Structures are given as structure tokens and as C-alpha cells.
Protein backbone atom coordinates (compact mmCIF):
# COMPACT_ATOMS: atom_id res chain seq x y z
CA GLN A 1 -26.32 23.40 127.43
CA VAL A 2 -25.76 25.29 124.18
CA GLN A 3 -24.80 23.39 121.05
CA LEU A 4 -22.73 25.16 118.40
CA GLU A 5 -22.26 24.23 114.77
CA GLU A 6 -19.79 25.98 112.49
CA SER A 7 -20.14 26.02 108.72
CA GLY A 8 -18.78 27.77 105.66
CA GLY A 9 -15.18 26.62 105.67
CA ARG A 10 -13.62 25.57 102.37
CA LEU A 11 -10.56 25.83 100.18
CA VAL A 12 -9.96 29.36 98.90
CA GLN A 13 -7.13 31.19 97.18
CA ALA A 14 -5.01 33.84 98.85
CA VAL A 15 -6.58 37.32 98.93
CA GLY A 16 -9.96 35.68 98.56
CA SER A 17 -12.90 35.99 100.94
CA LEU A 18 -14.96 33.61 102.99
CA ARG A 19 -17.84 33.88 105.44
CA LEU A 20 -18.16 31.47 108.33
CA SER A 21 -21.34 30.89 110.30
CA CYS A 22 -21.96 29.55 113.78
CA ALA A 23 -25.45 28.42 114.69
CA ALA A 24 -26.38 28.08 118.34
CA SER A 25 -29.14 25.77 119.47
CA GLY A 26 -30.49 24.28 122.64
CA ARG A 27 -30.56 26.34 125.81
CA THR A 28 -29.48 29.82 124.80
CA PRO A 29 -29.32 32.55 127.47
CA SER A 30 -30.63 35.99 126.66
CA ARG A 31 -27.20 37.54 127.02
CA TYR A 32 -23.91 35.89 126.14
CA ALA A 33 -20.78 36.85 124.30
CA MET A 34 -19.51 34.80 121.38
CA GLY A 35 -16.13 34.33 119.83
CA TRP A 36 -14.13 32.72 117.07
CA PHE A 37 -10.98 30.71 117.62
CA ARG A 38 -8.77 28.73 115.28
CA GLN A 39 -6.25 25.93 115.41
CA ALA A 40 -3.63 25.39 112.73
CA PRO A 41 -1.91 22.02 112.27
CA GLY A 42 0.65 21.46 114.99
CA LYS A 43 -0.35 24.59 116.88
CA GLU A 44 -2.51 25.37 119.87
CA ARG A 45 -5.94 26.89 119.51
CA GLU A 46 -5.76 30.67 119.39
CA PHE A 47 -8.19 33.52 119.79
CA VAL A 48 -9.39 35.26 116.63
CA ALA A 49 -12.29 37.56 117.44
CA THR A 50 -14.99 38.12 120.02
CA ILE A 51 -18.26 40.02 120.17
CA SER A 52 -20.41 41.20 123.05
CA TRP A 53 -23.95 39.90 123.56
CA SER A 54 -25.50 42.95 121.90
CA GLY A 55 -23.03 43.00 119.04
CA GLY A 56 -22.01 46.52 119.98
CA SER A 57 -18.44 45.71 120.98
CA THR A 58 -15.82 43.60 119.25
CA TYR A 59 -12.19 42.70 119.67
CA TYR A 60 -9.72 41.07 117.27
CA VAL A 61 -6.32 39.51 117.41
CA ASP A 62 -3.77 41.76 115.73
CA SER A 63 -3.13 39.39 112.85
CA VAL A 64 -6.70 39.69 111.52
CA LYS A 65 -7.49 43.33 112.27
CA GLY A 66 -8.72 45.13 109.18
CA ARG A 67 -9.38 41.85 107.38
CA PHE A 68 -11.91 39.96 109.50
CA THR A 69 -15.27 41.17 110.79
CA ILE A 70 -17.27 39.42 113.48
CA SER A 71 -21.02 39.92 113.73
CA ARG A 72 -24.10 38.23 115.14
CA ASP A 73 -27.82 37.93 114.59
CA ASN A 74 -29.40 37.21 117.96
CA ALA A 75 -32.85 36.70 116.48
CA LYS A 76 -31.43 33.67 114.66
CA ASN A 77 -28.87 32.71 117.32
CA THR A 78 -26.17 32.92 114.71
CA MET A 79 -22.69 34.43 114.62
CA PHE A 80 -20.62 35.20 111.54
CA LEU A 81 -17.00 35.77 110.66
CA GLN A 82 -16.42 37.62 107.41
CA MET A 83 -12.86 36.95 106.29
CA ASN A 84 -11.34 39.11 103.57
CA SER A 85 -7.84 39.28 102.11
CA LEU A 86 -7.16 35.76 103.26
CA LYS A 87 -3.59 34.60 103.71
CA PRO A 88 -2.12 31.09 103.77
CA GLU A 89 -1.38 31.58 107.47
CA ASP A 90 -5.13 31.82 108.07
CA THR A 91 -5.37 28.12 107.28
CA ALA A 92 -6.84 26.39 110.31
CA VAL A 93 -9.88 24.74 111.78
CA TYR A 94 -12.14 27.54 112.98
CA TYR A 95 -14.23 27.10 116.10
CA CYS A 96 -16.94 29.19 117.69
CA ALA A 97 -17.67 29.42 121.38
CA VAL A 98 -19.91 31.19 123.86
CA ASN A 99 -19.10 33.18 126.98
CA TRP A 100 -21.63 34.00 129.68
CA GLY A 101 -19.26 36.58 131.11
CA SER A 102 -17.38 39.44 129.51
CA TYR A 103 -16.49 39.14 125.84
CA LEU A 104 -12.99 40.24 126.81
CA VAL A 105 -12.33 37.42 129.27
CA MET A 106 -10.89 34.65 127.13
CA SER A 107 -10.92 32.07 129.91
CA GLY A 108 -14.70 32.29 130.04
CA PHE A 109 -15.28 30.79 126.61
CA GLY A 110 -16.65 27.28 126.32
CA SER A 111 -19.28 25.13 124.60
CA TRP A 112 -17.06 24.73 121.57
CA GLY A 113 -18.39 23.63 118.22
CA GLN A 114 -16.78 20.89 116.15
CA GLY A 115 -15.05 23.37 113.87
CA THR A 116 -14.96 24.06 110.16
CA GLN A 117 -11.84 23.75 108.01
CA VAL A 118 -10.51 26.80 106.21
CA THR A 119 -7.66 26.25 103.79
CA VAL A 120 -6.04 29.18 102.00
CA SER A 121 -3.80 28.27 99.10
CA SER A 122 -1.00 30.36 97.61
């Protein structure tokens, strides 16, 4: 079982930037996709971004395209989410997850972390 721990969330002002990290530990397969999800107050958890095991392919939800960048460092079993031009609607608890299948199959994600709070003020 893989354990995930998110970090980096904090209060930031609109148009500011923030970088989230997700550290994986425990039993980590050689190849697995990773992804970021978020859950705003009163809303269901939604997909944000995903990255293939090699880091060569990525996919983003329309609302963050051009602003967020997902990346990973497999040598350190760590994934990142660089968030630029933040908006108040980005406020949410951000979670990372792993997927032993395709990075494009959302139903395959699991092993969720506990999340890190991102709050964007106006």
C-alpha cells in the first residue's frame, strides 16, 4: 500500500502562486500515474490534473489550463502542482492520488492523501 502526504497549502492572495507537493512512501510500484484533485466547501471532489508514470504526458481540467503545471520526480517519489495566477475559486482542499492504470482513467485513482488546504483571498 502506498501512503501519500500532501504539503504546501496556505493562504495566498489572488493572482499569487503556490507550489504543492505530494510525497509517496511505502510500497511504490515502478510505474504508476499520479494526479491532483480538489474539494471545495460544499462541493464534491473534482479532478484537477494528472500525469503519466514517466511524466511525459499530462492532462488538466479546463479551469486550470495555462495556470497550473503538474510534474513529478520519480527518484524522490514526489509529485508537484505549481499553481500560478490563483483565483478565489481555486480555494479547496487539494488531494493527491495514484493510479496503476492509465493516467487518463479517472476511476482508477486511489490511495488518497489527507489533503492540504489552499485558500485564495480576494
